[in-house]
Amino acid sequence: MALIVVDEPLKMNSAWGWLHINKNADPIFGASLNRAHWPAAAAIERRDWRAIRWLTSLAITERAISSGTHPHVVGAWRHLTTSVGIKPNCRWDALGVAYRLKDHPITERIKTLDLHAVGTMQRFASFEIRTKGKVGSLC
């Protein structure tokens, strides 16, 4: 999983999730925090790691529930939900997943990222997921 800090004033959103698929590498599931808009701007400026982990968790869970049919997204959702003690079929509880994920070891390494590295993808977690009976990695 990865985080990118961006500065996009024309994009009227402070955080969003994404899935990058490259045929030659493991897929990357991540979040972008937009330092052009509150609350991401305030969290980045204050280096409020709890808020940054919360916004990242919100963005990732929002992406997971809005793109539910892609096998890597389904696998990531299953891993994230079970890691925080929520049943994977509870897609309606995305806020509950994000709330628990913000304090979970999966997002712990976010505290080590460089918030001034605008536009740079920084990985903070990696785990194996099962898609269609196969085990693969998700970064």
N, C-alpha and C. Protein backbone atom coordinates (compact mmCIF):
# COMPACT_ATOMS: atom_id res chain seq x y z
N MET A 1 0.85 -1.16 0.00
CA MET A 1 0.00 0.00 0.00
C MET A 1 0.89 1.22 0.00
N ALA A 2 0.36 2.31 -0.56
CA ALA A 2 1.19 3.49 -0.72
C ALA A 2 0.39 4.77 -0.46
N LEU A 3 1.14 5.83 -0.22
CA LEU A 3 0.57 7.15 -0.02
C LEU A 3 1.30 8.13 -0.92
N ILE A 4 0.53 9.02 -1.56
CA ILE A 4 1.11 10.09 -2.35
C ILE A 4 0.52 11.40 -1.84
N VAL A 5 1.40 12.35 -1.52
CA VAL A 5 0.96 13.70 -1.18
C VAL A 5 0.97 14.49 -2.47
N VAL A 6 -0.15 15.13 -2.79
CA VAL A 6 -0.26 15.91 -4.03
C VAL A 6 -0.64 17.35 -3.69
N ASP A 7 -0.47 18.21 -4.67
CA ASP A 7 -0.88 19.61 -4.54
C ASP A 7 -1.71 19.94 -5.77
N GLU A 8 -3.00 19.66 -5.70
CA GLU A 8 -3.89 19.83 -6.84
C GLU A 8 -5.10 20.70 -6.45
N PRO A 9 -4.94 22.02 -6.51
CA PRO A 9 -6.03 22.91 -6.09
C PRO A 9 -7.30 22.75 -6.93
N LEU A 10 -7.19 22.31 -8.17
CA LEU A 10 -8.37 22.17 -9.02
C LEU A 10 -9.16 20.91 -8.72
N LYS A 11 -8.55 19.96 -8.05
CA LYS A 11 -9.27 18.74 -7.66
C LYS A 11 -9.92 19.02 -6.30
N MET A 12 -11.21 19.11 -6.28
CA MET A 12 -11.93 19.51 -5.08
C MET A 12 -12.16 18.31 -4.15
N ASN A 13 -11.07 17.76 -3.67
CA ASN A 13 -11.11 16.64 -2.75
C ASN A 13 -9.81 16.66 -1.94
N SER A 14 -9.90 16.31 -0.67
CA SER A 14 -8.69 16.32 0.14
C SER A 14 -8.00 14.96 0.20
N ALA A 15 -8.74 13.89 -0.12
CA ALA A 15 -8.16 12.54 -0.08
C ALA A 15 -8.95 11.62 -0.98
N TRP A 16 -8.27 10.70 -1.65
CA TRP A 16 -8.94 9.69 -2.47
C TRP A 16 -8.06 8.45 -2.57
N GLY A 17 -8.70 7.34 -2.80
CA GLY A 17 -7.99 6.07 -2.93
C GLY A 17 -7.83 5.72 -4.40
N TRP A 18 -6.90 4.80 -4.69
CA TRP A 18 -6.64 4.37 -6.06
C TRP A 18 -6.02 2.97 -6.07
N LEU A 19 -6.08 2.36 -7.23
CA LEU A 19 -5.46 1.05 -7.46
C LEU A 19 -4.64 1.15 -8.74
N HIS A 20 -3.34 0.91 -8.63
CA HIS A 20 -2.44 0.95 -9.78
C HIS A 20 -2.07 -0.48 -10.15
N ILE A 21 -2.40 -0.86 -11.37
CA ILE A 21 -2.09 -2.22 -11.82
C ILE A 21 -1.05 -2.14 -12.93
N ASN A 22 0.05 -2.86 -12.73
CA ASN A 22 1.13 -2.94 -13.68
C ASN A 22 1.36 -4.42 -13.96
N LYS A 23 1.34 -4.82 -15.22
CA LYS A 23 1.48 -6.24 -15.55
C LYS A 23 2.80 -6.83 -15.10
N ASN A 24 3.82 -5.99 -14.93
CA ASN A 24 5.15 -6.49 -14.59
C ASN A 24 5.47 -6.41 -13.10
N ALA A 25 4.50 -5.99 -12.28
CA ALA A 25 4.75 -5.86 -10.85
C ALA A 25 3.45 -6.10 -10.08
N ASP A 26 3.59 -6.21 -8.77
CA ASP A 26 2.41 -6.38 -7.93
C ASP A 26 1.55 -5.11 -8.00
N PRO A 27 0.23 -5.26 -7.94
CA PRO A 27 -0.63 -4.08 -7.92
C PRO A 27 -0.40 -3.27 -6.64
N ILE A 28 -0.65 -1.98 -6.74
CA ILE A 28 -0.46 -1.09 -5.60
C ILE A 28 -1.80 -0.43 -5.29
N PHE A 29 -2.22 -0.58 -4.06
CA PHE A 29 -3.46 0.01 -3.58
C PHE A 29 -3.06 1.15 -2.67
N GLY A 30 -3.59 2.33 -2.89
CA GLY A 30 -3.12 3.43 -2.07
C GLY A 30 -4.07 4.60 -1.97
N ALA A 31 -3.53 5.68 -1.43
CA ALA A 31 -4.30 6.89 -1.19
C ALA A 31 -3.47 8.10 -1.59
N SER A 32 -4.17 9.14 -1.99
CA SER A 32 -3.55 10.44 -2.23
C SER A 32 -4.14 11.43 -1.24
N LEU A 33 -3.27 12.24 -0.65
CA LEU A 33 -3.71 13.32 0.22
C LEU A 33 -3.39 14.62 -0.49
N ASN A 34 -4.38 15.47 -0.64
CA ASN A 34 -4.25 16.72 -1.38
C ASN A 34 -3.97 17.87 -0.41
N ARG A 35 -2.73 18.35 -0.43
CA ARG A 35 -2.37 19.42 0.51
C ARG A 35 -2.95 20.77 0.11
N ALA A 36 -3.70 20.80 -0.98
CA ALA A 36 -4.35 22.05 -1.40
C ALA A 36 -5.68 22.27 -0.69
N HIS A 37 -6.20 21.24 -0.02
CA HIS A 37 -7.52 21.35 0.61
C HIS A 37 -7.53 20.79 2.02
N TRP A 38 -8.33 21.45 2.86
CA TRP A 38 -8.57 20.98 4.22
C TRP A 38 -9.44 19.74 4.16
N PRO A 39 -9.30 18.76 5.01
CA PRO A 39 -8.46 18.70 6.20
C PRO A 39 -7.06 18.15 5.96
N ALA A 40 -6.80 17.64 4.75
CA ALA A 40 -5.47 17.09 4.48
C ALA A 40 -4.39 18.16 4.64
N ALA A 41 -4.67 19.36 4.15
CA ALA A 41 -3.68 20.45 4.25
C ALA A 41 -3.29 20.71 5.70
N ALA A 42 -4.28 20.80 6.58
CA ALA A 42 -4.00 21.07 8.00
C ALA A 42 -3.25 19.91 8.64
N ALA A 43 -3.65 18.69 8.32
CA ALA A 43 -2.99 17.51 8.90
C ALA A 43 -1.53 17.43 8.47
N ILE A 44 -1.27 17.71 7.21
CA ILE A 44 0.10 17.66 6.70
C ILE A 44 0.93 18.79 7.31
N GLU A 45 0.37 19.98 7.36
CA GLU A 45 1.09 21.13 7.92
C GLU A 45 1.47 20.89 9.38
N ARG A 46 0.55 20.35 10.17
CA ARG A 46 0.80 20.10 11.60
C ARG A 46 1.53 18.78 11.85
N ARG A 47 1.70 17.99 10.79
CA ARG A 47 2.27 16.65 10.93
C ARG A 47 1.45 15.85 11.95
N ASP A 48 0.15 15.93 11.79
CA ASP A 48 -0.80 15.23 12.65
C ASP A 48 -0.96 13.81 12.11
N TRP A 49 -0.12 12.92 12.62
CA TRP A 49 -0.05 11.56 12.07
C TRP A 49 -1.35 10.80 12.25
N ARG A 50 -2.07 11.05 13.33
CA ARG A 50 -3.35 10.34 13.52
C ARG A 50 -4.36 10.78 12.46
N ALA A 51 -4.42 12.07 12.18
CA ALA A 51 -5.32 12.57 11.14
C ALA A 51 -4.90 12.06 9.77
N ILE A 52 -3.59 12.01 9.52
CA ILE A 52 -3.09 11.52 8.24
C ILE A 52 -3.44 10.04 8.07
N ARG A 53 -3.27 9.26 9.12
CA ARG A 53 -3.63 7.84 9.06
C ARG A 53 -5.14 7.67 8.88
N TRP A 54 -5.94 8.53 9.51
CA TRP A 54 -7.39 8.49 9.38
C TRP A 54 -7.81 8.82 7.95
N LEU A 55 -7.27 9.91 7.37
CA LEU A 55 -7.61 10.28 6.00
C LEU A 55 -7.18 9.21 5.00
N THR A 56 -6.00 8.64 5.21
CA THR A 56 -5.51 7.57 4.35
C THR A 56 -6.43 6.36 4.44
N SER A 57 -6.82 6.00 5.65
CA SER A 57 -7.72 4.86 5.85
C SER A 57 -9.08 5.11 5.20
N LEU A 58 -9.61 6.32 5.34
CA LEU A 58 -10.88 6.68 4.69
C LEU A 58 -10.78 6.55 3.17
N ALA A 59 -9.71 7.07 2.60
CA ALA A 59 -9.54 7.03 1.15
C ALA A 59 -9.45 5.59 0.64
N ILE A 60 -8.69 4.77 1.34
CA ILE A 60 -8.52 3.38 0.93
C ILE A 60 -9.83 2.61 1.05
N THR A 61 -10.54 2.77 2.15
CA THR A 61 -11.79 2.03 2.31
C THR A 61 -12.85 2.53 1.34
N GLU A 62 -12.87 3.83 1.07
CA GLU A 62 -13.82 4.36 0.09
C GLU A 62 -13.56 3.75 -1.29
N ARG A 63 -12.31 3.66 -1.66
CA ARG A 63 -11.95 3.07 -2.96
C ARG A 63 -12.34 1.59 -2.99
N ALA A 64 -12.12 0.91 -1.89
CA ALA A 64 -12.43 -0.53 -1.84
C ALA A 64 -13.92 -0.79 -2.00
N ILE A 65 -14.76 0.02 -1.38
CA ILE A 65 -16.20 -0.24 -1.49
C ILE A 65 -16.79 0.27 -2.79
N SER A 66 -16.11 1.21 -3.45
CA SER A 66 -16.65 1.73 -4.71
C SER A 66 -16.16 0.95 -5.92
N SER A 67 -15.18 0.09 -5.75
CA SER A 67 -14.64 -0.71 -6.85
C SER A 67 -14.64 -2.18 -6.48
N GLY A 68 -15.72 -2.62 -5.89
CA GLY A 68 -15.79 -3.93 -5.26
C GLY A 68 -15.63 -5.16 -6.12
N THR A 69 -15.71 -5.06 -7.45
CA THR A 69 -15.64 -6.28 -8.25
C THR A 69 -14.24 -6.63 -8.73
N HIS A 70 -13.30 -5.71 -8.68
CA HIS A 70 -11.94 -6.01 -9.12
C HIS A 70 -11.32 -6.99 -8.13
N PRO A 71 -10.73 -8.10 -8.61
CA PRO A 71 -10.23 -9.13 -7.69
C PRO A 71 -9.21 -8.63 -6.67
N HIS A 72 -8.35 -7.69 -7.06
CA HIS A 72 -7.36 -7.17 -6.11
C HIS A 72 -8.02 -6.30 -5.05
N VAL A 73 -9.04 -5.58 -5.45
CA VAL A 73 -9.76 -4.75 -4.48
C VAL A 73 -10.52 -5.65 -3.51
N VAL A 74 -11.17 -6.69 -4.03
CA VAL A 74 -11.89 -7.63 -3.17
C VAL A 74 -10.92 -8.28 -2.18
N GLY A 75 -9.77 -8.71 -2.67
CA GLY A 75 -8.77 -9.33 -1.80
C GLY A 75 -8.25 -8.36 -0.75
N ALA A 76 -8.00 -7.12 -1.15
CA ALA A 76 -7.52 -6.12 -0.19
C ALA A 76 -8.60 -5.82 0.85
N TRP A 77 -9.85 -5.68 0.40
CA TRP A 77 -10.95 -5.42 1.33
C TRP A 77 -11.06 -6.56 2.35
N ARG A 78 -10.98 -7.80 1.87
CA ARG A 78 -11.06 -8.97 2.76
C ARG A 78 -9.95 -8.92 3.80
N HIS A 79 -8.73 -8.61 3.35
CA HIS A 79 -7.60 -8.55 4.27
C HIS A 79 -7.77 -7.42 5.29
N LEU A 80 -8.13 -6.24 4.82
CA LEU A 80 -8.27 -5.09 5.72
C LEU A 80 -9.36 -5.31 6.76
N THR A 81 -10.52 -5.79 6.30
CA THR A 81 -11.63 -5.97 7.24
C THR A 81 -11.32 -7.03 8.29
N THR A 82 -10.80 -8.16 7.85
CA THR A 82 -10.51 -9.22 8.82
C THR A 82 -9.37 -8.80 9.76
N SER A 83 -8.44 -7.99 9.27
CA SER A 83 -7.34 -7.51 10.12
C SER A 83 -7.83 -6.64 11.26
N VAL A 84 -8.92 -5.89 11.02
CA VAL A 84 -9.43 -5.00 12.06
C VAL A 84 -10.66 -5.59 12.77
N GLY A 85 -10.99 -6.84 12.48
CA GLY A 85 -12.05 -7.54 13.20
C GLY A 85 -13.46 -7.28 12.71
N ILE A 86 -13.61 -6.98 11.43
CA ILE A 86 -14.93 -6.78 10.84
C ILE A 86 -15.11 -7.80 9.73
N LYS A 87 -16.32 -8.32 9.58
CA LYS A 87 -16.59 -9.32 8.54
C LYS A 87 -16.49 -8.67 7.15
N PRO A 88 -15.83 -9.36 6.19
CA PRO A 88 -15.64 -8.79 4.85
C PRO A 88 -16.94 -8.45 4.12
N ASN A 89 -18.03 -9.13 4.43
CA ASN A 89 -19.28 -8.86 3.72
C ASN A 89 -20.00 -7.62 4.26
N CYS A 90 -19.43 -6.95 5.24
CA CYS A 90 -20.04 -5.74 5.81
C CYS A 90 -19.53 -4.49 5.11
N ARG A 91 -19.81 -4.37 3.81
CA ARG A 91 -19.34 -3.22 3.04
C ARG A 91 -19.93 -1.91 3.55
N TRP A 92 -21.08 -1.99 4.18
CA TRP A 92 -21.72 -0.81 4.74
C TRP A 92 -20.95 -0.23 5.91
N ASP A 93 -20.01 -1.00 6.46
CA ASP A 93 -19.26 -0.53 7.63
C ASP A 93 -17.88 -0.02 7.24
N ALA A 94 -17.78 0.63 6.09
CA ALA A 94 -16.49 1.16 5.64
C ALA A 94 -15.92 2.18 6.63
N LEU A 95 -16.77 3.00 7.22
CA LEU A 95 -16.28 3.97 8.21
C LEU A 95 -15.73 3.26 9.45
N GLY A 96 -16.36 2.17 9.84
CA GLY A 96 -15.86 1.38 10.96
C GLY A 96 -14.51 0.77 10.65
N VAL A 97 -14.34 0.30 9.42
CA VAL A 97 -13.05 -0.26 9.00
C VAL A 97 -11.99 0.84 9.02
N ALA A 98 -12.31 2.00 8.44
CA ALA A 98 -11.35 3.11 8.40
C ALA A 98 -10.99 3.56 9.82
N TYR A 99 -11.99 3.64 10.69
CA TYR A 99 -11.74 4.07 12.07
C TYR A 99 -10.77 3.13 12.78
N ARG A 100 -10.95 1.84 12.59
CA ARG A 100 -10.06 0.87 13.23
C ARG A 100 -8.70 0.82 12.54
N LEU A 101 -8.69 1.02 11.23
CA LEU A 101 -7.45 0.94 10.46
C LEU A 101 -6.48 2.07 10.81
N LYS A 102 -7.01 3.23 11.19
CA LYS A 102 -6.15 4.38 11.49
C LYS A 102 -5.18 4.11 12.65
N ASP A 103 -5.54 3.21 13.55
CA ASP A 103 -4.68 2.87 14.69
C ASP A 103 -4.09 1.46 14.58
N HIS A 104 -4.21 0.86 13.42
CA HIS A 104 -3.77 -0.52 13.21
C HIS A 104 -2.31 -0.55 12.73
N PRO A 105 -1.59 -1.64 13.00
CA PRO A 105 -0.21 -1.75 12.51
C PRO A 105 -0.07 -1.58 10.98
N ILE A 106 -1.11 -1.87 10.21
CA ILE A 106 -1.04 -1.70 8.75
C ILE A 106 -0.69 -0.26 8.39
N THR A 107 -1.21 0.70 9.14
CA THR A 107 -0.95 2.12 8.83
C THR A 107 0.16 2.73 9.69
N GLU A 108 0.77 1.96 10.55
CA GLU A 108 1.79 2.47 11.47
C GLU A 108 2.96 3.13 10.74
N ARG A 109 3.42 2.53 9.64
CA ARG A 109 4.60 3.06 8.93
C ARG A 109 4.34 4.40 8.24
N ILE A 110 3.09 4.81 8.16
CA ILE A 110 2.79 6.12 7.56
C ILE A 110 3.56 7.21 8.31
N LYS A 111 3.78 7.02 9.61
CA LYS A 111 4.49 8.01 10.42
C LYS A 111 5.93 8.24 9.96
N THR A 112 6.47 7.31 9.18
CA THR A 112 7.86 7.44 8.73
C THR A 112 7.98 8.10 7.36
N LEU A 113 6.87 8.43 6.72
CA LEU A 113 6.90 8.96 5.36
C LEU A 113 7.26 10.45 5.34
N ASP A 114 7.83 10.87 4.23
CA ASP A 114 8.20 12.27 4.03
C ASP A 114 7.01 13.02 3.44
N LEU A 115 6.36 13.86 4.23
CA LEU A 115 5.18 14.58 3.77
C LEU A 115 5.49 15.71 2.80
N HIS A 116 6.78 16.03 2.65
CA HIS A 116 7.18 17.09 1.72
C HIS A 116 7.53 16.55 0.34
N ALA A 117 7.52 15.24 0.18
CA ALA A 117 7.85 14.60 -1.10
C ALA A 117 6.59 14.58 -1.99
N VAL A 118 6.22 15.74 -2.47
CA VAL A 118 5.00 15.88 -3.27
C VAL A 118 5.13 15.10 -4.57
N GLY A 119 4.11 14.30 -4.87
CA GLY A 119 4.09 13.52 -6.10
C GLY A 119 4.86 12.22 -6.07
N THR A 120 5.46 11.89 -4.94
CA THR A 120 6.25 10.68 -4.82
C THR A 120 5.43 9.58 -4.13
N MET A 121 5.34 8.43 -4.78
CA MET A 121 4.65 7.30 -4.17
C MET A 121 5.54 6.70 -3.09
N GLN A 122 5.01 6.64 -1.86
CA GLN A 122 5.77 6.10 -0.74
C GLN A 122 4.99 4.91 -0.17
N ARG A 123 5.61 3.76 -0.18
CA ARG A 123 4.94 2.55 0.30
C ARG A 123 5.03 2.46 1.81
N PHE A 124 3.91 2.00 2.41
CA PHE A 124 3.89 1.86 3.86
C PHE A 124 3.45 0.49 4.34
N ALA A 125 2.91 -0.35 3.46
CA ALA A 125 2.49 -1.68 3.89
C ALA A 125 2.45 -2.60 2.68
N SER A 126 2.58 -3.88 2.93
CA SER A 126 2.49 -4.89 1.89
C SER A 126 1.93 -6.16 2.53
N PHE A 127 1.05 -6.84 1.81
CA PHE A 127 0.49 -8.08 2.32
C PHE A 127 0.04 -8.95 1.17
N GLU A 128 -0.10 -10.24 1.45
CA GLU A 128 -0.56 -11.19 0.44
C GLU A 128 -2.08 -11.23 0.44
N ILE A 129 -2.64 -11.37 -0.76
CA ILE A 129 -4.08 -11.50 -0.90
C ILE A 129 -4.38 -12.70 -1.78
N ARG A 130 -5.57 -13.22 -1.66
CA ARG A 130 -6.01 -14.34 -2.48
C ARG A 130 -7.01 -13.82 -3.51
N THR A 131 -6.72 -14.07 -4.79
CA THR A 131 -7.63 -13.71 -5.87
C THR A 131 -7.87 -14.92 -6.74
N LYS A 132 -9.12 -15.32 -6.89
CA LYS A 132 -9.51 -16.45 -7.72
C LYS A 132 -8.68 -17.70 -7.41
N GLY A 133 -8.52 -17.98 -6.12
CA GLY A 133 -7.81 -19.18 -5.72
C GLY A 133 -6.30 -19.05 -5.75
N LYS A 134 -5.77 -17.91 -6.18
CA LYS A 134 -4.32 -17.70 -6.25
C LYS A 134 -3.91 -16.74 -5.15
N VAL A 135 -2.69 -16.92 -4.65
CA VAL A 135 -2.16 -16.02 -3.65
C VAL A 135 -1.20 -15.08 -4.35
N GLY A 136 -1.35 -13.78 -4.12
CA GLY A 136 -0.46 -12.79 -4.70
C GLY A 136 -0.16 -11.74 -3.65
N SER A 137 0.66 -10.78 -4.04
CA SER A 137 1.01 -9.69 -3.12
C SER A 137 0.30 -8.44 -3.54
N LEU A 138 0.01 -7.62 -2.56
CA LEU A 138 -0.54 -6.30 -2.80
C LEU A 138 0.33 -5.34 -2.02
N CYS A 139 0.85 -4.37 -2.71
CA CYS A 139 1.73 -3.39 -2.05
C CYS A 139 0.96 -2.14 -1.74
